[in-house]
Amino acid sequence: MGEAVSMLSDEDLDSFLTEFQYLLECWLNEYERQVFNNKTLKELIREG
């Protein structure tokens, strides 16, 4: 990313990283639901 990131303001970079983190968490939760019988790891841990 190098040069492309250096051109962003701190606020823009923070916004992009927040959006990226949100997408990753959504994708991971969806994957966990497929693998663990429609539950996330957080849900399974709370039940245990």
C-alpha atoms as a PDB file:
ATOM      1  CA  MET A   1       0.000   0.000   0.000  1.00  0.00           C
ATOM      2  CA  GLY A   2       2.962   2.265   0.768  1.00  0.00           C
ATOM      3  CA  GLU A   3       2.612   5.371  -1.359  1.00  0.00           C
ATOM      4  CA  ALA A   4      -1.181   5.202  -1.658  1.00  0.00           C
ATOM      5  CA  VAL A   5      -1.558   5.276   2.119  1.00  0.00           C
ATOM      6  CA  SER A   6       0.829   8.181   2.541  1.00  0.00           C
ATOM      7  CA  MET A   7      -1.522  10.312   0.439  1.00  0.00           C
ATOM      8  CA  LEU A   8      -4.484   9.750   2.782  1.00  0.00           C
ATOM      9  CA  SER A   9      -5.304  11.953   5.722  1.00  0.00           C
ATOM     10  CA  ASP A  10      -5.313  10.351   9.166  1.00  0.00           C
ATOM     11  CA  GLU A  11      -9.106  10.682   9.257  1.00  0.00           C
ATOM     12  CA  ASP A  12      -9.532   8.927   5.887  1.00  0.00           C
ATOM     13  CA  LEU A  13      -7.142   6.159   6.864  1.00  0.00           C
ATOM     14  CA  ASP A  14      -8.970   5.664  10.160  1.00  0.00           C
ATOM     15  CA  SER A  15     -12.294   5.525   8.312  1.00  0.00           C
ATOM     16  CA  PHE A  16     -11.020   2.953   5.781  1.00  0.00           C
ATOM     17  CA  LEU A  17      -9.532   0.779   8.511  1.00  0.00           C
ATOM     18  CA  THR A  18     -12.769   0.898  10.515  1.00  0.00           C
ATOM     19  CA  GLU A  19     -14.802  -0.136   7.466  1.00  0.00           C
ATOM     20  CA  PHE A  20     -12.331  -2.912   6.633  1.00  0.00           C
ATOM     21  CA  GLN A  21     -12.440  -4.242  10.199  1.00  0.00           C
ATOM     22  CA  TYR A  22     -16.258  -4.259  10.090  1.00  0.00           C
ATOM     23  CA  LEU A  23     -16.251  -6.241   6.826  1.00  0.00           C
ATOM     24  CA  LEU A  24     -13.742  -8.745   8.197  1.00  0.00           C
ATOM     25  CA  GLU A  25     -15.840  -9.313  11.319  1.00  0.00           C
ATOM     26  CA  CYS A  26     -18.996  -9.807   9.219  1.00  0.00           C
ATOM     27  CA  TRP A  27     -17.267 -12.275   6.910  1.00  0.00           C
ATOM     28  CA  LEU A  28     -15.751 -14.164   9.821  1.00  0.00           C
ATOM     29  CA  ASN A  29     -19.088 -14.375  11.628  1.00  0.00           C
ATOM     30  CA  GLU A  30     -20.747 -15.683   8.460  1.00  0.00           C
ATOM     31  CA  TYR A  31     -18.033 -18.318   8.050  1.00  0.00           C
ATOM     32  CA  GLU A  32     -18.314 -19.369  11.704  1.00  0.00           C
ATOM     33  CA  ARG A  33     -22.097 -19.721  11.343  1.00  0.00           C
ATOM     34  CA  GLN A  34     -21.571 -22.028   8.357  1.00  0.00           C
ATOM     35  CA  VAL A  35     -19.013 -24.139  10.220  1.00  0.00           C
ATOM     36  CA  PHE A  36     -20.530 -24.198  13.719  1.00  0.00           C
ATOM     37  CA  ASN A  37     -24.183 -24.984  13.080  1.00  0.00           C
ATOM     38  CA  ASN A  38     -25.414 -21.377  12.680  1.00  0.00           C
ATOM     39  CA  LYS A  39     -23.500 -20.018  15.714  1.00  0.00           C
ATOM     40  CA  THR A  40     -20.439 -17.841  16.109  1.00  0.00           C
ATOM     41  CA  LEU A  41     -17.518 -18.722  18.356  1.00  0.00           C
ATOM     42  CA  LYS A  42     -18.598 -16.000  20.797  1.00  0.00           C
ATOM     43  CA  GLU A  43     -22.036 -17.603  21.047  1.00  0.00           C
ATOM     44  CA  LEU A  44     -20.548 -21.053  21.585  1.00  0.00           C
ATOM     45  CA  ILE A  45     -18.185 -19.792  24.280  1.00  0.00           C
ATOM     46  CA  ARG A  46     -21.051 -18.107  26.159  1.00  0.00           C
ATOM     47  CA  GLU A  47     -23.010 -21.395  26.100  1.00  0.00           C
ATOM     48  CA  GLY A  48     -20.052 -23.430  27.363  1.00  0.00           C
END
